[in-house]
């Protein structure tokens, strides 16, 4: 059974607020991806429903992108909500009831909250990672926008190893935009 990506994101947001760690949309996307990948490897099942796509700054869950795109590079201070299709009203997302799943999310996202968006991007871009494998077309070009399937994540997820640097290789990106579909 997978969970609504917004409910998992809300657990991560709760943790960031509890530990007074600023969380941007870009960082949330990467942390959600890493927690999903870890759960997929450990359990064999996806943690979140939907899918991730390979964008310029790493894996992005489109539902989470649309839920938080208004925050741009500012810290997230509110949880994701859903829109009732009949009334148009915003409603709270049902929290995850399973204590073990909530604990898994907390334990596996806590250490990522301390990393900058640039470091998280470096980690998602690691050589041999799902994002790297999927976007690489030749030695000098990459193509963005393809779906990162759970099968690709299972096969390449444990390759997120990056060299230790003083500064992230991409700098400190503050926002992500959908890839153009030329």
N, C-alpha and C. Protein backbone atom coordinates (compact mmCIF):
# COMPACT_ATOMS: atom_id res chain seq x y z
N UNK A 1 0.84 -1.19 0.00
CA UNK A 1 0.00 0.00 0.00
C UNK A 1 0.88 1.24 0.00
N UNK A 2 0.62 2.15 -0.91
CA UNK A 2 1.36 3.41 -0.91
C UNK A 2 0.47 4.49 -0.30
N UNK A 3 1.11 5.60 0.05
CA UNK A 3 0.43 6.71 0.72
C UNK A 3 0.40 7.93 -0.18
N UNK A 4 -0.55 8.80 0.09
CA UNK A 4 -0.63 10.07 -0.62
C UNK A 4 0.68 10.81 -0.39
N UNK A 5 1.34 11.23 -1.46
CA UNK A 5 2.62 11.92 -1.35
C UNK A 5 2.51 13.17 -0.48
N UNK A 6 1.34 13.81 -0.50
CA UNK A 6 1.15 15.01 0.33
C UNK A 6 1.13 14.67 1.81
N UNK A 7 0.59 13.49 2.17
CA UNK A 7 0.58 13.08 3.58
C UNK A 7 2.00 12.80 4.06
N UNK A 8 2.81 12.17 3.21
CA UNK A 8 4.21 11.91 3.57
C UNK A 8 4.97 13.23 3.65
N UNK A 9 4.74 14.12 2.68
CA UNK A 9 5.37 15.44 2.72
C UNK A 9 4.98 16.18 3.99
N UNK A 10 3.73 16.08 4.40
CA UNK A 10 3.29 16.75 5.62
C UNK A 10 4.02 16.21 6.86
N UNK A 11 4.32 14.92 6.88
CA UNK A 11 5.11 14.35 7.99
C UNK A 11 6.50 14.98 8.03
N UNK A 12 7.10 15.15 6.85
CA UNK A 12 8.43 15.76 6.77
C UNK A 12 8.36 17.23 7.20
N UNK A 13 7.31 17.92 6.78
CA UNK A 13 7.12 19.32 7.18
C UNK A 13 6.96 19.42 8.69
N UNK A 14 6.15 18.54 9.28
CA UNK A 14 5.99 18.53 10.74
C UNK A 14 7.34 18.39 11.44
N UNK A 15 8.16 17.48 10.94
CA UNK A 15 9.47 17.25 11.54
C UNK A 15 10.36 18.49 11.40
N UNK A 16 10.32 19.12 10.24
CA UNK A 16 11.14 20.33 10.04
C UNK A 16 10.71 21.44 10.98
N UNK A 17 9.42 21.59 11.19
CA UNK A 17 8.92 22.61 12.11
C UNK A 17 9.28 22.26 13.55
N UNK A 18 9.16 20.99 13.89
CA UNK A 18 9.50 20.53 15.25
C UNK A 18 10.97 20.81 15.57
N UNK A 19 11.86 20.59 14.61
CA UNK A 19 13.30 20.80 14.82
C UNK A 19 13.76 22.18 14.40
N UNK A 20 12.83 23.05 14.04
CA UNK A 20 13.14 24.41 13.63
C UNK A 20 14.17 24.45 12.51
N UNK A 21 13.98 23.55 11.54
CA UNK A 21 14.84 23.49 10.36
C UNK A 21 14.04 24.02 9.18
N UNK A 22 14.54 25.07 8.54
CA UNK A 22 13.82 25.59 7.38
C UNK A 22 13.84 24.57 6.26
N UNK A 23 12.70 24.42 5.62
CA UNK A 23 12.53 23.45 4.55
C UNK A 23 11.95 24.17 3.33
N UNK A 24 12.68 24.13 2.23
CA UNK A 24 12.17 24.73 1.00
C UNK A 24 11.52 23.64 0.15
N UNK A 25 10.80 24.09 -0.85
CA UNK A 25 10.15 23.16 -1.78
C UNK A 25 11.18 22.23 -2.42
N UNK A 26 12.30 22.79 -2.85
CA UNK A 26 13.35 22.00 -3.49
C UNK A 26 13.88 20.93 -2.54
N UNK A 27 14.14 21.32 -1.29
CA UNK A 27 14.63 20.35 -0.29
C UNK A 27 13.59 19.29 0.01
N UNK A 28 12.33 19.70 0.14
CA UNK A 28 11.25 18.74 0.41
C UNK A 28 11.18 17.69 -0.69
N UNK A 29 11.31 18.11 -1.94
CA UNK A 29 11.25 17.16 -3.06
C UNK A 29 12.34 16.10 -2.93
N UNK A 30 13.55 16.52 -2.62
CA UNK A 30 14.67 15.58 -2.53
C UNK A 30 14.50 14.65 -1.33
N UNK A 31 14.10 15.20 -0.19
CA UNK A 31 13.92 14.37 1.01
C UNK A 31 12.81 13.35 0.78
N UNK A 32 11.72 13.78 0.19
CA UNK A 32 10.61 12.85 -0.13
C UNK A 32 11.11 11.72 -1.02
N UNK A 33 11.90 12.07 -2.02
CA UNK A 33 12.46 11.06 -2.93
C UNK A 33 13.36 10.08 -2.17
N UNK A 34 14.25 10.58 -1.32
CA UNK A 34 15.16 9.69 -0.60
C UNK A 34 14.42 8.77 0.36
N UNK A 35 13.41 9.29 1.05
CA UNK A 35 12.63 8.46 1.98
C UNK A 35 11.84 7.41 1.19
N UNK A 36 11.26 7.81 0.06
CA UNK A 36 10.54 6.87 -0.80
C UNK A 36 11.48 5.77 -1.29
N UNK A 37 12.67 6.16 -1.77
CA UNK A 37 13.64 5.18 -2.27
C UNK A 37 14.07 4.20 -1.20
N UNK A 38 14.34 4.71 -0.02
CA UNK A 38 14.76 3.84 1.10
C UNK A 38 13.64 2.85 1.44
N UNK A 39 12.40 3.33 1.49
CA UNK A 39 11.27 2.45 1.80
C UNK A 39 11.10 1.39 0.72
N UNK A 40 11.27 1.79 -0.52
CA UNK A 40 11.15 0.87 -1.65
C UNK A 40 12.20 -0.23 -1.55
N UNK A 41 13.42 0.13 -1.18
CA UNK A 41 14.50 -0.85 -1.05
C UNK A 41 14.25 -1.78 0.14
N UNK A 42 13.84 -1.22 1.26
CA UNK A 42 13.66 -2.01 2.49
C UNK A 42 12.43 -2.91 2.42
N UNK A 43 11.31 -2.37 1.91
CA UNK A 43 10.05 -3.12 1.94
C UNK A 43 9.70 -3.80 0.61
N UNK A 44 10.23 -3.26 -0.49
CA UNK A 44 9.85 -3.75 -1.80
C UNK A 44 8.60 -3.07 -2.34
N UNK A 45 8.03 -2.16 -1.56
CA UNK A 45 6.81 -1.46 -1.94
C UNK A 45 7.04 0.04 -1.97
N UNK A 46 6.32 0.76 -2.84
CA UNK A 46 6.46 2.22 -2.87
C UNK A 46 5.85 2.86 -1.63
N UNK A 47 6.50 3.88 -1.12
CA UNK A 47 5.95 4.62 0.02
C UNK A 47 4.88 5.59 -0.45
N UNK A 48 5.14 6.30 -1.55
CA UNK A 48 4.18 7.28 -2.04
C UNK A 48 3.57 6.84 -3.36
N UNK A 49 2.33 7.22 -3.55
CA UNK A 49 1.68 6.97 -4.83
C UNK A 49 2.15 7.99 -5.86
N UNK A 50 1.80 7.78 -7.08
CA UNK A 50 2.24 8.69 -8.14
C UNK A 50 3.64 8.32 -8.59
N UNK A 51 4.38 9.30 -9.05
CA UNK A 51 5.71 9.03 -9.58
C UNK A 51 6.62 10.24 -9.42
N UNK A 52 7.90 10.03 -9.61
CA UNK A 52 8.89 11.10 -9.63
C UNK A 52 9.34 11.29 -11.07
N UNK A 53 9.73 12.51 -11.38
CA UNK A 53 10.29 12.83 -12.69
C UNK A 53 11.69 13.39 -12.51
N UNK A 54 12.53 13.21 -13.52
CA UNK A 54 13.91 13.70 -13.49
C UNK A 54 13.94 15.12 -14.03
N UNK A 55 14.00 16.10 -13.14
CA UNK A 55 14.08 17.50 -13.53
C UNK A 55 15.52 17.97 -13.37
N UNK A 56 15.78 19.21 -13.71
CA UNK A 56 17.15 19.74 -13.69
C UNK A 56 17.82 19.54 -12.33
N UNK A 57 17.14 19.84 -11.25
CA UNK A 57 17.75 19.74 -9.93
C UNK A 57 17.41 18.44 -9.21
N UNK A 58 17.07 17.42 -9.96
CA UNK A 58 16.86 16.10 -9.36
C UNK A 58 15.42 15.64 -9.43
N UNK A 59 15.12 14.57 -8.70
CA UNK A 59 13.78 14.00 -8.72
C UNK A 59 12.73 14.96 -8.16
N UNK A 60 11.59 15.01 -8.85
CA UNK A 60 10.47 15.86 -8.44
C UNK A 60 9.19 15.05 -8.55
N UNK A 61 8.38 15.11 -7.51
CA UNK A 61 7.05 14.49 -7.53
C UNK A 61 6.08 15.57 -8.02
N UNK A 62 5.45 15.40 -9.19
CA UNK A 62 4.59 16.45 -9.74
C UNK A 62 3.46 16.92 -8.81
N UNK A 63 2.87 16.02 -8.04
CA UNK A 63 1.80 16.42 -7.13
C UNK A 63 2.34 17.35 -6.04
N UNK A 64 3.52 17.04 -5.55
CA UNK A 64 4.14 17.90 -4.52
C UNK A 64 4.56 19.22 -5.15
N UNK A 65 5.05 19.18 -6.39
CA UNK A 65 5.40 20.42 -7.06
C UNK A 65 4.18 21.35 -7.13
N UNK A 66 3.05 20.81 -7.57
CA UNK A 66 1.86 21.67 -7.70
C UNK A 66 1.35 22.12 -6.33
N UNK A 67 1.56 21.31 -5.31
CA UNK A 67 1.09 21.68 -3.97
C UNK A 67 1.91 22.81 -3.35
N UNK A 68 3.19 22.92 -3.72
CA UNK A 68 4.07 23.88 -3.06
C UNK A 68 4.75 24.88 -4.00
N UNK A 69 4.39 24.89 -5.27
CA UNK A 69 5.09 25.78 -6.21
C UNK A 69 4.95 27.25 -5.83
N UNK A 70 3.90 27.60 -5.13
CA UNK A 70 3.70 29.00 -4.73
C UNK A 70 4.74 29.47 -3.70
N UNK A 71 5.40 28.54 -3.02
CA UNK A 71 6.39 28.95 -2.01
C UNK A 71 7.69 29.40 -2.64
N UNK A 72 7.93 28.96 -3.91
CA UNK A 72 9.18 29.29 -4.61
C UNK A 72 10.36 28.92 -3.72
N UNK A 73 11.28 29.82 -3.46
CA UNK A 73 12.45 29.50 -2.65
C UNK A 73 12.28 29.80 -1.17
N UNK A 74 11.08 30.21 -0.77
CA UNK A 74 10.83 30.53 0.64
C UNK A 74 10.60 29.26 1.46
N UNK A 75 10.89 29.32 2.75
CA UNK A 75 10.63 28.15 3.60
C UNK A 75 9.14 27.79 3.63
N UNK A 76 8.87 26.52 3.68
CA UNK A 76 7.50 26.02 3.77
C UNK A 76 7.04 26.16 5.22
N UNK A 77 5.88 26.78 5.41
CA UNK A 77 5.35 26.97 6.76
C UNK A 77 3.98 26.33 6.94
N UNK A 78 3.39 25.89 5.85
CA UNK A 78 2.06 25.26 5.92
C UNK A 78 2.09 23.90 5.24
N UNK A 79 1.21 23.04 5.69
CA UNK A 79 1.11 21.70 5.12
C UNK A 79 0.35 21.72 3.80
N UNK A 80 0.56 20.66 3.04
CA UNK A 80 -0.17 20.47 1.79
C UNK A 80 -1.64 20.23 2.11
N UNK A 81 -2.48 20.70 1.22
CA UNK A 81 -3.92 20.48 1.33
C UNK A 81 -4.41 19.91 0.02
N UNK A 82 -5.64 19.45 0.02
CA UNK A 82 -6.25 18.95 -1.20
C UNK A 82 -7.45 19.83 -1.51
N UNK A 83 -7.81 19.87 -2.77
CA UNK A 83 -8.97 20.65 -3.18
C UNK A 83 -10.14 19.71 -3.44
N UNK A 84 -11.23 19.97 -2.78
CA UNK A 84 -12.44 19.20 -3.00
C UNK A 84 -12.95 19.53 -4.40
N UNK A 85 -13.06 18.54 -5.25
CA UNK A 85 -13.45 18.78 -6.64
C UNK A 85 -14.88 19.27 -6.79
N UNK A 86 -15.74 18.92 -5.86
CA UNK A 86 -17.14 19.37 -5.96
C UNK A 86 -17.33 20.79 -5.46
N UNK A 87 -16.73 21.11 -4.31
CA UNK A 87 -16.95 22.43 -3.72
C UNK A 87 -15.84 23.43 -4.05
N UNK A 88 -14.67 22.93 -4.43
CA UNK A 88 -13.53 23.82 -4.68
C UNK A 88 -12.82 24.25 -3.41
N UNK A 89 -13.29 23.77 -2.27
CA UNK A 89 -12.68 24.14 -0.99
C UNK A 89 -11.40 23.35 -0.74
N UNK A 90 -10.44 24.03 -0.07
CA UNK A 90 -9.23 23.33 0.35
C UNK A 90 -9.52 22.58 1.63
N UNK A 91 -9.03 21.35 1.69
CA UNK A 91 -9.26 20.50 2.87
C UNK A 91 -7.94 19.93 3.34
N UNK A 92 -7.91 19.59 4.61
CA UNK A 92 -6.72 18.97 5.20
C UNK A 92 -6.49 17.60 4.56
N UNK A 93 -5.24 17.21 4.47
CA UNK A 93 -4.88 15.86 4.01
C UNK A 93 -4.95 14.95 5.23
N UNK A 94 -5.56 13.80 5.06
CA UNK A 94 -5.62 12.84 6.16
C UNK A 94 -4.20 12.42 6.54
N UNK A 95 -3.86 12.52 7.83
CA UNK A 95 -2.51 12.09 8.24
C UNK A 95 -2.36 10.58 8.16
N UNK A 96 -1.14 10.14 8.08
CA UNK A 96 -0.85 8.70 8.04
C UNK A 96 -1.09 8.13 9.43
N UNK A 97 -1.95 7.14 9.50
CA UNK A 97 -2.30 6.56 10.80
C UNK A 97 -1.28 5.55 11.30
N UNK A 98 -0.64 4.83 10.41
CA UNK A 98 0.29 3.77 10.80
C UNK A 98 1.51 4.36 11.50
N UNK A 99 1.66 4.03 12.79
CA UNK A 99 2.78 4.57 13.59
C UNK A 99 4.13 4.14 13.04
N UNK A 100 4.22 2.93 12.52
CA UNK A 100 5.49 2.45 11.99
C UNK A 100 5.91 3.22 10.74
N UNK A 101 4.95 3.57 9.92
CA UNK A 101 5.25 4.36 8.71
C UNK A 101 5.67 5.76 9.12
N UNK A 102 4.95 6.37 10.05
CA UNK A 102 5.33 7.71 10.53
C UNK A 102 6.74 7.69 11.12
N UNK A 103 7.06 6.65 11.89
CA UNK A 103 8.39 6.54 12.48
C UNK A 103 9.44 6.36 11.38
N UNK A 104 9.15 5.55 10.38
CA UNK A 104 10.08 5.36 9.27
C UNK A 104 10.37 6.69 8.57
N UNK A 105 9.33 7.45 8.32
CA UNK A 105 9.50 8.75 7.66
C UNK A 105 10.36 9.67 8.52
N UNK A 106 10.08 9.73 9.80
CA UNK A 106 10.85 10.61 10.70
C UNK A 106 12.32 10.20 10.75
N UNK A 107 12.57 8.93 10.98
CA UNK A 107 13.95 8.44 11.12
C UNK A 107 14.73 8.65 9.83
N UNK A 108 14.09 8.42 8.70
CA UNK A 108 14.81 8.47 7.43
C UNK A 108 14.83 9.84 6.77
N UNK A 109 14.16 10.80 7.36
CA UNK A 109 14.24 12.17 6.81
C UNK A 109 14.98 13.12 7.72
N UNK A 110 15.12 12.79 9.00
CA UNK A 110 15.70 13.72 9.97
C UNK A 110 17.10 14.20 9.58
N UNK A 111 17.98 13.30 9.18
CA UNK A 111 19.35 13.73 8.87
C UNK A 111 19.42 14.56 7.58
N UNK A 112 18.47 14.40 6.68
CA UNK A 112 18.46 15.20 5.45
C UNK A 112 18.05 16.65 5.71
N UNK A 113 17.28 16.88 6.79
CA UNK A 113 16.83 18.24 7.10
C UNK A 113 17.99 19.19 7.37
N UNK A 114 19.11 18.65 7.77
CA UNK A 114 20.28 19.48 8.09
C UNK A 114 21.08 19.87 6.85
N UNK A 115 20.79 19.22 5.72
CA UNK A 115 21.55 19.48 4.50
C UNK A 115 20.91 20.62 3.69
N UNK A 116 21.74 21.41 3.05
CA UNK A 116 21.23 22.49 2.20
C UNK A 116 20.62 21.88 0.94
N UNK A 117 19.84 22.69 0.24
CA UNK A 117 19.24 22.24 -1.02
C UNK A 117 20.33 21.83 -2.00
N UNK A 118 21.42 22.57 -2.05
CA UNK A 118 22.52 22.24 -2.96
C UNK A 118 23.14 20.89 -2.66
N UNK A 119 23.31 20.56 -1.38
CA UNK A 119 23.86 19.26 -1.00
C UNK A 119 22.88 18.14 -1.36
N UNK A 120 21.60 18.39 -1.16
CA UNK A 120 20.59 17.38 -1.51
C UNK A 120 20.56 17.15 -3.02
N UNK A 121 20.71 18.21 -3.79
CA UNK A 121 20.77 18.08 -5.25
C UNK A 121 22.01 17.26 -5.63
N UNK A 122 23.16 17.59 -5.02
CA UNK A 122 24.38 16.81 -5.29
C UNK A 122 24.13 15.32 -5.04
N UNK A 123 23.48 15.03 -3.94
CA UNK A 123 23.21 13.64 -3.57
C UNK A 123 22.28 12.97 -4.60
N UNK A 124 21.25 13.69 -5.04
CA UNK A 124 20.33 13.11 -6.03
C UNK A 124 20.98 12.97 -7.40
N UNK A 125 22.01 13.76 -7.67
CA UNK A 125 22.70 13.73 -8.96
C UNK A 125 23.92 12.81 -8.97
N UNK A 126 24.15 12.10 -7.91
CA UNK A 126 25.35 11.25 -7.81
C UNK A 126 25.51 10.34 -9.02
N UNK A 127 26.74 10.13 -9.40
CA UNK A 127 27.04 9.25 -10.53
C UNK A 127 26.48 7.85 -10.27
N UNK A 128 25.73 7.35 -11.23
CA UNK A 128 25.14 6.02 -11.11
C UNK A 128 23.80 6.00 -10.42
N UNK A 129 23.32 7.15 -9.94
CA UNK A 129 22.01 7.21 -9.27
C UNK A 129 20.89 7.11 -10.32
N UNK A 130 19.65 6.85 -9.89
CA UNK A 130 18.55 6.79 -10.85
C UNK A 130 18.44 8.04 -11.73
N UNK A 131 18.57 9.23 -11.11
CA UNK A 131 18.49 10.48 -11.87
C UNK A 131 19.61 10.54 -12.92
N UNK A 132 20.83 10.18 -12.52
CA UNK A 132 21.99 10.22 -13.41
C UNK A 132 21.79 9.25 -14.58
N UNK A 133 21.39 8.04 -14.30
CA UNK A 133 21.19 7.01 -15.33
C UNK A 133 20.12 7.45 -16.33
N UNK A 134 19.02 7.99 -15.81
CA UNK A 134 17.87 8.34 -16.64
C UNK A 134 18.11 9.57 -17.51
N UNK A 135 18.83 10.56 -16.99
CA UNK A 135 18.97 11.82 -17.73
C UNK A 135 20.15 11.83 -18.69
N UNK A 136 21.13 10.97 -18.50
CA UNK A 136 22.34 11.02 -19.31
C UNK A 136 22.07 10.51 -20.72
N UNK A 137 22.36 11.32 -21.71
CA UNK A 137 22.20 10.92 -23.10
C UNK A 137 23.55 10.64 -23.75
N UNK A 138 24.53 11.45 -23.45
CA UNK A 138 25.91 11.19 -23.88
C UNK A 138 26.80 11.91 -22.87
N UNK A 139 28.08 11.99 -23.13
CA UNK A 139 29.00 12.56 -22.15
C UNK A 139 28.77 14.04 -21.89
N UNK A 140 28.08 14.74 -22.78
CA UNK A 140 27.91 16.18 -22.62
C UNK A 140 26.47 16.67 -22.52
N UNK A 141 25.50 15.77 -22.56
CA UNK A 141 24.13 16.27 -22.53
C UNK A 141 23.22 15.42 -21.63
N UNK A 142 22.19 16.08 -21.17
CA UNK A 142 21.17 15.44 -20.34
C UNK A 142 19.80 15.85 -20.86
N UNK A 143 18.84 14.98 -20.65
CA UNK A 143 17.46 15.27 -21.02
C UNK A 143 16.62 15.13 -19.76
N UNK A 144 15.78 16.12 -19.52
CA UNK A 144 14.97 16.14 -18.30
C UNK A 144 13.50 15.90 -18.60
N UNK A 145 12.77 15.44 -17.60
CA UNK A 145 11.33 15.27 -17.70
C UNK A 145 10.85 13.84 -17.69
N UNK A 146 11.75 12.88 -17.90
CA UNK A 146 11.32 11.48 -17.92
C UNK A 146 10.92 11.01 -16.52
N UNK A 147 10.04 10.03 -16.49
CA UNK A 147 9.58 9.43 -15.24
C UNK A 147 10.67 8.54 -14.67
N UNK A 148 10.91 8.69 -13.36
CA UNK A 148 11.84 7.80 -12.65
C UNK A 148 10.98 6.68 -12.06
N UNK A 149 10.95 5.54 -12.70
CA UNK A 149 10.08 4.45 -12.25
C UNK A 149 10.61 3.82 -10.97
N UNK A 150 9.72 3.14 -10.28
CA UNK A 150 10.15 2.42 -9.07
C UNK A 150 11.15 1.33 -9.41
N UNK A 151 11.07 0.77 -10.60
CA UNK A 151 12.03 -0.26 -11.01
C UNK A 151 13.43 0.34 -11.14
N UNK A 152 13.52 1.53 -11.73
CA UNK A 152 14.81 2.21 -11.85
C UNK A 152 15.34 2.57 -10.46
N UNK A 153 14.45 3.05 -9.59
CA UNK A 153 14.86 3.39 -8.23
C UNK A 153 15.40 2.14 -7.52
N UNK A 154 14.68 1.02 -7.61
CA UNK A 154 15.14 -0.21 -6.97
C UNK A 154 16.51 -0.63 -7.47
N UNK A 155 16.73 -0.50 -8.76
CA UNK A 155 17.98 -0.97 -9.36
C UNK A 155 19.18 -0.09 -9.04
N UNK A 156 18.98 1.24 -8.99
CA UNK A 156 20.12 2.15 -8.88
C UNK A 156 20.14 3.01 -7.61
N UNK A 157 19.17 2.86 -6.73
CA UNK A 157 19.06 3.78 -5.59
C UNK A 157 20.27 3.80 -4.68
N UNK A 158 20.87 2.68 -4.43
CA UNK A 158 21.99 2.63 -3.47
C UNK A 158 23.28 3.22 -4.01
N UNK A 159 23.24 3.94 -5.09
CA UNK A 159 24.44 4.54 -5.68
C UNK A 159 24.53 6.03 -5.41
N UNK A 160 23.83 6.51 -4.42
CA UNK A 160 23.86 7.94 -4.09
C UNK A 160 25.08 8.26 -3.22
N UNK A 161 26.24 8.18 -3.82
CA UNK A 161 27.47 8.51 -3.11
C UNK A 161 28.10 9.70 -3.81
N UNK A 162 28.42 10.72 -3.05
CA UNK A 162 29.00 11.93 -3.64
C UNK A 162 30.30 12.28 -2.92
N UNK A 163 31.22 12.91 -3.63
CA UNK A 163 32.44 13.34 -2.96
C UNK A 163 32.15 14.45 -1.96
N UNK A 164 32.96 14.53 -0.95
CA UNK A 164 32.82 15.59 0.05
C UNK A 164 33.45 16.86 -0.52
N UNK A 165 32.69 17.91 -0.54
CA UNK A 165 33.14 19.21 -1.04
C UNK A 165 32.78 20.29 -0.03
N UNK A 166 33.46 21.41 -0.13
CA UNK A 166 33.10 22.55 0.70
C UNK A 166 31.78 23.17 0.26
N UNK A 167 31.56 23.19 -1.06
CA UNK A 167 30.36 23.81 -1.62
C UNK A 167 29.67 22.82 -2.55
N UNK A 168 28.34 22.88 -2.62
CA UNK A 168 27.62 22.02 -3.58
C UNK A 168 28.06 22.34 -5.00
N UNK A 169 28.11 21.34 -5.85
CA UNK A 169 28.57 21.54 -7.23
C UNK A 169 27.62 22.41 -8.04
N UNK A 170 26.35 22.45 -7.69
CA UNK A 170 25.38 23.25 -8.43
C UNK A 170 25.11 24.59 -7.78
N UNK A 171 25.84 24.91 -6.73
CA UNK A 171 25.54 26.11 -5.97
C UNK A 171 24.38 25.84 -5.05
N UNK A 172 23.62 26.87 -4.74
CA UNK A 172 22.44 26.72 -3.88
C UNK A 172 21.18 27.11 -4.64
N UNK A 173 20.63 26.17 -5.42
CA UNK A 173 19.40 26.50 -6.16
C UNK A 173 18.26 26.77 -5.19
N UNK A 174 17.38 27.68 -5.56
CA UNK A 174 16.27 28.00 -4.67
C UNK A 174 14.92 27.57 -5.21
N UNK A 175 14.87 27.21 -6.49
CA UNK A 175 13.59 26.87 -7.07
C UNK A 175 13.78 25.90 -8.24
N UNK A 176 12.76 25.19 -8.56
CA UNK A 176 12.77 24.22 -9.66
C UNK A 176 11.64 24.60 -10.61
N UNK A 177 11.84 24.37 -11.87
CA UNK A 177 10.81 24.61 -12.88
C UNK A 177 10.64 23.35 -13.70
N UNK A 178 9.42 23.09 -14.17
CA UNK A 178 9.22 21.91 -15.01
C UNK A 178 10.10 21.98 -16.26
N UNK A 179 10.57 20.84 -16.71
CA UNK A 179 11.36 20.84 -17.95
C UNK A 179 10.47 21.20 -19.13
N UNK A 180 11.08 21.83 -20.11
CA UNK A 180 10.30 22.14 -21.32
C UNK A 180 10.15 20.85 -22.12
N UNK A 181 9.05 20.71 -22.75
CA UNK A 181 8.74 19.49 -23.52
C UNK A 181 8.80 19.80 -25.01
N UNK A 182 9.97 20.25 -25.47
CA UNK A 182 10.15 20.60 -26.89
C UNK A 182 10.05 19.41 -27.78
